[in-house]
Every structure is written in C-alpha cells, then in structure tokens.
Amino acid sequence: MKNSAFGAVAKVVGVVAGVTVIAGGIWASLRDEPPPSFATAPAAIADIEATVLAAGILEASRMVSVGAQVSGQIKSLRVKLGDKVKAGDAIAEIDAITQENELRNAQAALASVKAQRSVQQASLKEASLAFERQRMMLAEEASSRADFESAEAVLQSTRAQIEALDAQIEQASARVDTALANLSYTKIRAPMDGTVVALVAKEGQTVNANQSAPTIVKLAKLDVMTVSAEISEADVIRVRPGQTVYFTILGDPLKRYYAKLRTVEPAPESIQSETTSSASSSASSTTKATYYNGLFEVPNPNSELRISMTAQVSVVLGEAKGALTIPSSALGERDSDGAHLVTVIGDDGTPSQRRVTIGIDNNVNAQVLEGVSEGEKVVVGEATAKADSGQGGGGGGGRRRSLFY
C-alpha cells in the first residue's frame, strides 16, 4: 500500500514538473520574442519636382555647308579648323582663269552687238531722211508711189533690226552679269558668323560644281546650342512648349543647364524615311519604341558645350519648394476621392491609418498637402514578422498594402 501511495505521488510530481517545463518554455519564447517593428521614414520638408527624363544630343543652333558654285582648283584655303569667322570673311579662293576668260568673251560679245546697233542707228537716220523726201516728193507728184513705199519699207526694216539688236544686247548683258557672278564665286566668303567645324576640301584640290555644289568647309553657330531630346510616346502627352528643362553632360554631371522647351516635333524622325503605304514598315513600327524630338536652346558663351555631346534631359512637369514630403512607398491604394491611405506610427509605437491628400508624386517622394504633419513617422515597409513564420520585413518601392488588411 505504501508502494501504491508512493507511485501516485511520483506521478503527480512528474505531471507538475512537465507542466512547469512547458510553461517555462512558453514563457521563455514569449520573453525572447521582440515586439513588432516597422520600416519607417519621417515626413520632412524638402524641394520636390516631377520630371520626364529624355536622352538628348547637342547640335549647333545653325550649321551651314559652305561650298563652291564654280569648278576649278582650290588656289588657297584661308581658314583652319576651329577658326572663328565673321560674315563676309574670305574662306577660300578658286583658280579664276576660266571665269576671267568667260567674262572677257561675254564683254566682247556685248560690245559687238552694241557696235552693230550703232551702225543700224545711223542707217535708221538715213532711212528716215529718205522716207521724208519721198513723202514730200509724192505730195508734189515729183516721185512715184513705188519709190515712196520702198523708202517706207527700208525705214521699218531698220527699226526692226534695231529692236532685234536691243534684245541681243539684253542677252549679252545677262551673259556678262553671269560671268561676273561666276568670277565672284571663285572667292568664297563666309555667309554668317560662326566657327569652322569641318574642313571637307583641301588646298590644291579640284572641285567640280557641274553636278552639285561641293562642300569646302562647314560653319556652325556655337554661341547658342540646340538640344534635341528624344521623348517617349508614353511621356510626350504630358510635355508642353514653355516648360522648364535642364540637362547635364557626361563631362560635368553635377552642373545643370537650364532652358525653356521651345517645341515638340509633331512626328518622329522615322517618318522621314518611312513609305506611306508600306505594310512591312507599318508592321515593324509597332514593335519599336517611338520617340518625339523636343527642342530647346541654351547659351554657350564659353564654348564648353560641343556638337554631338550627350545630354541627360529632364523636363519639369511640376515642382514645389519647401514642401512636406514622404516616401512614395508609404502610400497605400488610392480611393475614389483621390486620397491615399498611409500608416502612421504614434509616439507609443502604435500604428494608425490616415487619409492623406497628395500633390506632386515622382514615384520616389510625394508631396503631402493634407493628412500628415512634419516629423511624424510613416510606414514604408511591412512589419517584421516572427522568426519562425518565414516572413521578412517589407521595404522599398511601389505602393504598399495597409497593415490592417
């Protein structure tokens, strides 16, 4: 009997010990588990802007190919690469022997026709006198009508010959003017102020202008540069002329160059090479991204901007200075009123939801117009989960779901 009592007591002690161990394990696990924590960011005052990014290329605001309008050998080239010239400055000179000979021939032909006219002018005077005599003699019946009509015909013929010679003089004068122009074309001058950016021909080279005007040099106006920015079809509907733009270059990525957007071309550059009724072209165009050129000018007084430089262009759609901002990742879904749900952590660490009104949102930060105060902490990621749940803390970009649903 004593053994039975002792066994019962042992069982009770074992049960109590087991319960104690289990309770201790539960208590230890609860004691070691950290309270939930959140990835947060404070609402802060900052400048914010929404922009459209575009890849751009720098071009001269004006570029002219200076060519030869007459054929011949380049006798002298008066400029070097990089020279700055004024309108009217000498660029090159072509051997003018051929043009000088053409001018002399044209002048001689003009002089010959003028001499012929002088002869006919004297003949006209003689014919006029003869006609007057025949008219007076016919009135006095001292001459026949046949002689009178003959004198009249000679007078009219002489006048007609003079008129023909006058037309020939006009033609000969035109040939002289053409020869003079061709002679002047042998001295090639700058059509505008600019910088020599290319030497296409060399001194001593023979140029042939019979088929097309050969280019000798290229002049560019570099004190003002034009930026051509490729704006995607997804963004072009938000871009308007007059908007502020800025860009950076690879050589100095920290310096911004500001300007105003002048225009957005109505069609992409590819339209220049596309056929209007090509089915294959239409099919291929649907598989390619479409870009529209936005153009604007920027001063270049120090010539630090150069042709064909790459520009990282930003078109400013909206901006606010000293705005209250929160990370865009803190924003929940947008409701029908346009407000967003945001989770705010109180001073005691308790999360609560707020409806906030948002202004500018550039997908990195968002301008808060109403609903959150400066310094309040908003949740930008999910709460950290228990270690044994296999769930990690949320973070980062995009709209986040509420902690309460």
Protein backbone atom coordinates (compact mmCIF):
# COMPACT_ATOMS: atom_id res chain seq x y z
CA MET A 1 0.00 0.00 0.00
CA LYS A 2 2.85 2.24 0.76
CA ASN A 3 4.22 1.46 -2.68
CA SER A 4 0.94 2.47 -4.31
CA ALA A 5 0.85 5.79 -2.49
CA PHE A 6 4.40 6.44 -3.34
CA GLY A 7 3.71 5.73 -7.02
CA ALA A 8 0.73 8.10 -7.10
CA VAL A 9 2.77 10.86 -5.56
CA ALA A 10 5.52 10.30 -8.11
CA LYS A 11 3.02 10.58 -10.96
CA VAL A 12 1.68 13.87 -9.62
CA VAL A 13 5.16 15.25 -9.20
CA GLY A 14 6.01 14.19 -12.77
CA VAL A 15 2.94 15.90 -14.20
CA VAL A 16 3.64 19.09 -12.28
CA ALA A 17 7.26 19.04 -13.44
CA GLY A 18 6.19 18.52 -17.03
CA VAL A 19 3.70 21.38 -16.88
CA THR A 20 6.36 23.56 -15.31
CA VAL A 21 8.83 22.80 -18.08
CA ILE A 22 6.25 23.50 -20.80
CA ALA A 23 5.16 26.72 -19.11
CA GLY A 24 8.77 27.76 -18.72
CA GLY A 25 9.42 27.11 -22.40
CA ILE A 26 6.39 29.14 -23.45
CA TRP A 27 7.33 31.95 -21.10
CA ALA A 28 10.93 31.92 -22.42
CA SER A 29 9.74 32.02 -26.01
CA LEU A 30 7.43 34.93 -25.28
CA ARG A 31 10.16 36.72 -23.34
CA ASP A 32 12.69 36.31 -26.19
CA GLU A 33 10.30 37.39 -28.99
CA PRO A 34 10.89 41.11 -29.87
CA PRO A 35 7.91 43.37 -30.25
CA PRO A 36 6.83 44.12 -33.84
CA SER A 37 8.94 46.80 -35.55
CA PHE A 38 8.33 48.85 -38.72
CA ALA A 39 10.40 50.33 -41.53
CA THR A 40 9.53 53.99 -41.20
CA ALA A 41 10.51 57.37 -42.54
CA PRO A 42 9.67 60.81 -41.16
CA ALA A 43 7.59 63.36 -43.02
CA ALA A 44 10.12 66.06 -43.87
CA ILE A 45 10.35 69.43 -45.57
CA ALA A 46 12.13 69.25 -48.92
CA ASP A 47 12.02 70.51 -52.50
CA ILE A 48 10.26 68.15 -54.89
CA GLU A 49 9.75 68.00 -58.61
CA ALA A 50 8.16 65.67 -61.14
CA THR A 51 10.11 65.28 -64.36
CA VAL A 52 10.17 63.42 -67.64
CA LEU A 53 13.59 62.01 -68.49
CA ALA A 54 14.88 62.01 -72.05
CA ALA A 55 18.14 61.28 -73.80
CA GLY A 56 19.35 64.28 -75.79
CA ILE A 57 22.04 65.28 -78.24
CA LEU A 58 23.61 68.72 -78.62
CA GLU A 59 23.60 70.37 -82.02
CA ALA A 60 24.73 73.72 -83.34
CA SER A 61 21.87 76.21 -83.41
CA ARG A 62 22.78 76.77 -87.06
CA MET A 63 25.16 74.94 -89.36
CA VAL A 64 25.97 75.81 -92.98
CA SER A 65 27.92 73.85 -95.56
CA VAL A 66 29.98 76.42 -97.47
CA GLY A 67 30.53 75.14 -100.99
CA ALA A 68 31.85 76.14 -104.39
CA GLN A 69 29.43 77.28 -107.08
CA VAL A 70 32.05 77.08 -109.84
CA SER A 71 34.52 74.41 -110.85
CA GLY A 72 38.25 74.73 -110.54
CA GLN A 73 41.26 74.12 -108.37
CA ILE A 74 41.28 75.47 -104.82
CA LYS A 75 44.06 78.01 -105.07
CA SER A 76 44.11 78.92 -101.38
CA LEU A 77 42.29 77.95 -98.20
CA ARG A 78 42.19 80.87 -95.80
CA VAL A 79 40.86 79.20 -92.63
CA LYS A 80 41.83 76.43 -90.24
CA LEU A 81 39.74 74.05 -88.16
CA GLY A 82 38.32 75.89 -85.17
CA ASP A 83 38.76 79.40 -86.62
CA LYS A 84 36.04 81.90 -85.81
CA VAL A 85 34.96 83.96 -88.81
CA LYS A 86 32.61 86.86 -89.49
CA ALA A 87 30.09 87.07 -92.30
CA GLY A 88 31.93 88.11 -95.48
CA ASP A 89 35.37 86.86 -94.38
CA ALA A 90 37.39 85.03 -97.04
CA ILE A 91 37.18 81.26 -96.74
CA ALA A 92 38.89 80.03 -99.92
CA GLU A 93 39.79 81.07 -103.47
CA ILE A 94 39.42 79.02 -106.64
CA ASP A 95 41.67 79.49 -109.68
CA ALA A 96 39.76 82.09 -111.73
CA ILE A 97 41.40 81.82 -115.18
CA THR A 98 38.39 80.08 -116.74
CA GLN A 99 35.92 82.55 -115.25
CA GLU A 100 38.03 85.55 -116.31
CA ASN A 101 38.12 84.26 -119.90
CA GLU A 102 34.36 83.73 -119.87
CA LEU A 103 33.92 87.30 -118.66
CA ARG A 104 36.13 88.70 -121.43
CA ASN A 105 34.24 86.73 -124.08
CA ALA A 106 30.89 87.93 -122.74
CA GLN A 107 32.08 91.54 -122.64
CA ALA A 108 33.39 91.29 -126.21
CA ALA A 109 30.09 89.84 -127.42
CA LEU A 110 28.21 92.67 -125.75
CA ALA A 111 30.49 95.28 -127.33
CA SER A 112 29.98 93.69 -130.77
CA VAL A 113 26.20 93.82 -130.52
CA LYS A 114 26.33 97.42 -129.33
CA ALA A 115 28.51 98.31 -132.33
CA GLN A 116 26.00 96.69 -134.65
CA ARG A 117 23.27 98.73 -133.11
CA SER A 118 25.26 101.91 -133.64
CA VAL A 119 25.52 101.03 -137.33
CA GLN A 120 21.81 100.37 -137.55
CA GLN A 121 21.12 103.60 -135.69
CA ALA A 122 22.97 105.51 -138.42
CA SER A 123 21.07 103.55 -141.05
CA LEU A 124 17.84 104.46 -139.32
CA LYS A 125 18.66 108.15 -139.57
CA GLU A 126 19.44 107.78 -143.26
CA ALA A 127 16.25 105.77 -143.88
CA SER A 128 14.18 108.37 -142.01
CA LEU A 129 15.53 111.20 -144.18
CA ALA A 130 14.93 109.21 -147.36
CA PHE A 131 11.40 108.45 -146.31
CA GLU A 132 10.66 112.15 -145.59
CA ARG A 133 11.98 113.16 -149.01
CA GLN A 134 9.86 110.56 -150.76
CA ARG A 135 6.79 111.64 -148.82
CA MET A 136 7.27 115.32 -149.83
CA MET A 137 8.03 114.43 -153.43
CA LEU A 138 4.99 112.18 -153.60
CA ALA A 139 2.81 115.03 -152.32
CA GLU A 140 4.15 117.23 -155.11
CA GLU A 141 3.82 114.38 -157.59
CA ALA A 142 7.58 114.56 -158.15
CA SER A 143 8.10 110.87 -157.27
CA SER A 144 6.30 107.62 -157.78
CA ARG A 145 4.39 105.76 -155.10
CA ALA A 146 6.67 102.79 -155.58
CA ASP A 147 9.70 104.82 -154.52
CA PHE A 148 7.79 106.11 -151.51
CA GLU A 149 6.74 102.62 -150.41
CA SER A 150 10.29 101.35 -150.88
CA ALA A 151 11.66 104.11 -148.64
CA GLU A 152 8.99 103.32 -146.06
CA ALA A 153 9.87 99.60 -146.05
CA VAL A 154 13.56 100.38 -145.58
CA LEU A 155 12.71 102.60 -142.60
CA GLN A 156 10.56 99.91 -140.94
CA SER A 157 13.16 97.22 -141.55
CA THR A 158 15.86 99.33 -139.98
CA ARG A 159 13.73 99.95 -136.92
CA ALA A 160 13.04 96.21 -136.59
CA GLN A 161 16.74 95.43 -136.82
CA ILE A 162 17.47 97.89 -134.04
CA GLU A 163 14.80 96.25 -131.86
CA ALA A 164 16.38 92.85 -132.50
CA LEU A 165 19.78 94.23 -131.64
CA ASP A 166 18.36 95.70 -128.42
CA ALA A 167 17.19 92.19 -127.44
CA GLN A 168 20.62 90.81 -128.25
CA ILE A 169 22.18 93.48 -126.09
CA GLU A 170 19.97 92.34 -123.19
CA GLN A 171 21.10 88.75 -123.70
CA ALA A 172 24.75 89.76 -123.95
CA SER A 173 24.42 91.90 -120.82
CA ALA A 174 22.95 88.92 -118.97
CA ARG A 175 25.90 86.79 -120.06
CA VAL A 176 28.26 89.45 -118.74
CA ASP A 177 26.42 89.52 -115.41
CA THR A 178 26.61 85.73 -115.21
CA ALA A 179 30.31 85.78 -115.98
CA LEU A 180 30.86 88.44 -113.32
CA ALA A 181 28.93 86.35 -110.80
CA ASN A 182 30.92 83.23 -111.68
CA LEU A 183 34.12 85.21 -111.25
CA SER A 184 32.97 86.42 -107.83
CA TYR A 185 32.15 82.82 -106.86
CA THR A 186 35.82 81.96 -107.13
CA LYS A 187 36.28 83.96 -103.92
CA ILE A 188 34.35 82.00 -101.32
CA ARG A 189 33.22 84.01 -98.29
CA ALA A 190 31.54 83.16 -95.01
CA PRO A 191 27.74 83.54 -95.23
CA MET A 192 27.43 84.08 -91.47
CA ASP A 193 29.35 84.47 -88.24
CA GLY A 194 30.49 81.11 -86.98
CA THR A 195 33.20 78.61 -86.21
CA VAL A 196 34.87 76.35 -88.75
CA VAL A 197 33.89 72.87 -87.55
CA ALA A 198 34.96 70.84 -90.60
CA LEU A 199 37.40 71.18 -93.49
CA VAL A 200 35.94 69.00 -96.23
CA ALA A 201 38.26 70.04 -99.08
CA LYS A 202 41.98 70.77 -99.13
CA GLU A 203 44.12 73.40 -100.78
CA GLY A 204 45.11 72.27 -104.30
CA GLN A 205 42.06 70.02 -104.66
CA THR A 206 39.96 70.37 -107.80
CA VAL A 207 36.24 70.76 -107.25
CA ASN A 208 33.52 70.11 -109.79
CA ALA A 209 30.35 72.11 -109.39
CA ASN A 210 28.64 70.87 -112.56
CA GLN A 211 26.58 68.23 -110.77
CA SER A 212 26.29 69.54 -107.21
CA ALA A 213 27.91 72.24 -105.15
CA PRO A 214 30.89 70.59 -103.41
CA THR A 215 31.34 71.48 -99.75
CA ILE A 216 34.64 73.09 -98.81
CA VAL A 217 34.08 73.88 -95.12
CA LYS A 218 31.28 73.70 -92.58
CA LEU A 219 30.44 76.67 -90.38
CA ALA A 220 28.47 76.37 -87.16
CA LYS A 221 26.98 78.92 -84.81
CA LEU A 222 28.15 77.67 -81.41
CA ASP A 223 27.38 80.60 -79.11
CA VAL A 224 23.89 79.08 -78.81
CA MET A 225 23.36 75.32 -78.88
CA THR A 226 20.20 73.42 -79.73
CA VAL A 227 19.37 70.33 -77.68
CA SER A 228 17.28 67.62 -79.34
CA ALA A 229 15.76 65.38 -76.68
CA GLU A 230 14.01 62.10 -77.51
CA ILE A 231 10.73 62.00 -75.56
CA SER A 232 8.92 58.68 -75.47
CA GLU A 233 5.34 58.36 -76.65
CA ALA A 234 4.33 57.47 -73.09
CA ASP A 235 5.58 60.82 -71.78
CA VAL A 236 5.05 63.18 -74.72
CA ILE A 237 1.37 63.78 -73.87
CA ARG A 238 2.48 65.47 -70.63
CA VAL A 239 5.08 67.72 -72.25
CA ARG A 240 4.29 71.24 -73.47
CA PRO A 241 6.35 74.07 -75.04
CA GLY A 242 7.41 76.61 -72.44
CA GLN A 243 8.07 74.08 -69.69
CA THR A 244 11.35 74.35 -67.78
CA VAL A 245 14.02 71.89 -68.84
CA TYR A 246 17.50 71.18 -67.61
CA PHE A 247 20.23 68.78 -68.60
CA THR A 248 23.63 67.51 -67.59
CA ILE A 249 26.55 66.29 -69.66
CA LEU A 250 28.92 63.40 -69.04
CA GLY A 251 31.89 65.69 -68.51
CA ASP A 252 30.24 67.57 -65.63
CA PRO A 253 27.27 65.60 -64.28
CA LEU A 254 26.84 67.92 -61.27
CA LYS A 255 26.22 71.06 -63.33
CA ARG A 256 22.73 71.73 -64.62
CA TYR A 257 22.00 73.79 -67.72
CA TYR A 258 18.52 75.34 -67.63
CA ALA A 259 16.32 76.44 -70.53
CA LYS A 260 12.72 76.51 -71.76
CA LEU A 261 11.30 73.89 -74.09
CA ARG A 262 10.75 75.56 -77.48
CA THR A 263 8.74 72.93 -79.31
CA VAL A 264 7.95 69.25 -79.60
CA GLU A 265 8.04 67.96 -83.15
CA PRO A 266 4.63 66.59 -84.25
CA ALA A 267 6.07 63.42 -85.80
CA PRO A 268 9.04 61.14 -85.07
CA GLU A 269 12.21 61.32 -87.15
CA SER A 270 11.45 57.90 -88.63
CA ILE A 271 8.64 59.44 -90.70
CA GLN A 272 11.26 60.96 -92.99
CA SER A 273 12.40 57.54 -94.15
CA GLU A 274 9.14 55.64 -93.99
CA THR A 275 6.98 54.97 -97.07
CA THR A 276 3.36 55.97 -96.73
CA SER A 277 1.89 52.68 -97.95
CA SER A 278 4.41 50.07 -96.90
CA ALA A 279 2.77 47.27 -94.96
CA SER A 280 6.08 45.93 -93.73
CA SER A 281 7.03 49.35 -92.44
CA SER A 282 3.72 49.60 -90.58
CA ALA A 283 4.20 46.19 -89.04
CA SER A 284 7.73 46.89 -87.91
CA SER A 285 6.88 50.30 -86.48
CA THR A 286 4.52 48.68 -83.95
CA THR A 287 7.39 46.69 -82.46
CA LYS A 288 9.70 49.66 -81.96
CA ALA A 289 9.61 52.40 -79.38
CA THR A 290 8.51 55.74 -80.77
CA TYR A 291 10.20 58.98 -79.74
CA TYR A 292 9.43 62.61 -80.50
CA ASN A 293 12.12 65.29 -80.51
CA GLY A 294 11.74 68.08 -78.02
CA LEU A 295 13.88 71.08 -79.00
CA PHE A 296 15.28 73.92 -76.92
CA GLU A 297 18.22 76.32 -76.99
CA VAL A 298 20.85 77.02 -74.37
CA PRO A 299 23.54 79.77 -74.36
CA ASN A 300 27.11 78.59 -74.80
CA PRO A 301 29.26 81.68 -74.14
CA ASN A 302 32.34 79.72 -73.04
CA SER A 303 32.10 77.12 -75.81
CA GLU A 304 32.13 74.32 -73.26
CA LEU A 305 29.20 72.63 -74.99
CA ARG A 306 30.13 70.89 -78.22
CA ILE A 307 28.36 69.31 -81.16
CA SER A 308 27.12 65.73 -80.63
CA MET A 309 27.58 65.76 -76.85
CA THR A 310 25.16 63.52 -74.98
CA ALA A 311 22.71 65.26 -72.66
CA GLN A 312 20.60 63.76 -69.87
CA VAL A 313 17.49 65.93 -70.17
CA SER A 314 14.76 66.44 -67.57
CA VAL A 315 11.51 68.17 -68.49
CA VAL A 316 9.95 69.63 -65.34
CA LEU A 317 6.24 68.81 -65.17
CA GLY A 318 5.74 70.31 -61.71
CA GLU A 319 7.77 71.44 -58.71
CA ALA A 320 7.30 72.68 -55.16
CA LYS A 321 9.82 74.36 -52.87
CA GLY A 322 9.81 73.64 -49.13
CA ALA A 323 7.07 71.05 -49.43
CA LEU A 324 6.13 68.44 -46.82
CA THR A 325 7.16 65.11 -48.33
CA ILE A 326 7.04 61.41 -47.54
CA PRO A 327 8.42 58.46 -49.49
CA SER A 328 6.12 57.30 -52.29
CA SER A 329 6.44 53.75 -50.97
CA ALA A 330 4.42 54.81 -47.91
CA LEU A 331 1.32 55.44 -49.97
CA GLY A 332 -1.43 52.87 -49.96
CA GLU A 333 -4.07 52.38 -52.60
CA ARG A 334 -5.82 55.45 -53.93
CA ASP A 335 -9.52 55.77 -53.23
CA SER A 336 -12.27 57.28 -55.36
CA ASP A 337 -11.69 60.73 -53.81
CA GLY A 338 -8.04 60.69 -54.83
CA ALA A 339 -6.75 60.29 -51.27
CA HIS A 340 -4.26 57.63 -50.17
CA LEU A 341 -4.14 55.57 -47.01
CA VAL A 342 -0.92 55.97 -45.02
CA THR A 343 0.09 54.10 -41.86
CA VAL A 344 1.47 56.46 -39.20
CA ILE A 345 3.36 55.27 -36.11
CA GLY A 346 2.39 57.14 -32.95
CA ASP A 347 4.70 58.15 -30.13
CA ASP A 348 3.80 54.96 -28.28
CA GLY A 349 4.67 52.83 -31.33
CA THR A 350 1.05 52.10 -32.19
CA PRO A 351 0.22 52.17 -35.92
CA SER A 352 -2.83 54.03 -37.17
CA GLN A 353 -4.18 54.84 -40.58
CA ARG A 354 -4.58 58.29 -42.12
CA ARG A 355 -6.13 59.53 -45.34
CA VAL A 356 -3.69 61.93 -46.99
CA THR A 357 -4.01 64.22 -49.99
CA ILE A 358 -1.04 64.11 -52.33
CA GLY A 359 0.26 66.76 -54.73
CA ILE A 360 3.39 66.07 -56.76
CA ASP A 361 4.45 62.42 -56.79
CA ASN A 362 7.62 61.48 -58.66
CA ASN A 363 7.49 57.82 -57.53
CA VAL A 364 10.36 58.45 -55.11
CA ASN A 365 8.84 61.11 -52.85
CA ALA A 366 5.35 62.53 -52.66
CA GLN A 367 4.18 65.98 -51.63
CA VAL A 368 1.68 65.84 -48.75
CA LEU A 369 -1.00 68.51 -48.91
CA GLU A 370 -3.09 67.25 -46.00
CA GLY A 371 -3.17 64.40 -43.50
CA VAL A 372 0.36 64.17 -42.03
CA SER A 373 2.44 66.64 -40.04
CA GLU A 374 6.15 67.26 -40.21
CA GLY A 375 8.17 64.79 -38.17
CA GLU A 376 5.52 62.10 -37.99
CA LYS A 377 6.78 58.66 -38.96
CA VAL A 378 5.07 56.79 -41.78
CA VAL A 379 5.47 53.12 -42.54
CA VAL A 380 7.35 52.45 -45.76
CA GLY A 381 7.58 48.66 -45.30
CA GLU A 382 5.72 45.73 -43.74
CA ALA A 383 6.13 44.94 -40.03
CA THR A 384 8.90 42.48 -39.17
CA ALA A 385 7.38 39.06 -38.67
CA LYS A 386 8.17 36.29 -36.20
CA ALA A 387 11.35 34.43 -36.90
CA ASP A 388 9.57 31.09 -37.25
CA SER A 389 6.93 32.48 -39.68
CA GLY A 390 9.35 32.68 -42.59
CA GLN A 391 8.20 36.22 -43.47
CA GLY A 392 10.66 39.08 -43.93
CA GLY A 393 10.22 42.75 -43.43
CA GLY A 394 8.82 44.69 -46.35
CA GLY A 395 10.61 47.65 -47.88
CA GLY A 396 11.14 49.67 -50.90
CA GLY A 397 9.36 50.98 -53.87
CA GLY A 398 5.83 50.95 -55.15
CA ARG A 399 2.51 51.36 -53.39
CA ARG A 400 2.27 49.36 -50.18
CA ARG A 401 -0.70 47.48 -48.75
CA SER A 402 -2.12 48.57 -45.41
CA LEU A 403 -1.04 46.76 -42.24
CA PHE A 404 -4.72 46.48 -41.35
CA TYR A 405 -5.93 44.46 -44.31
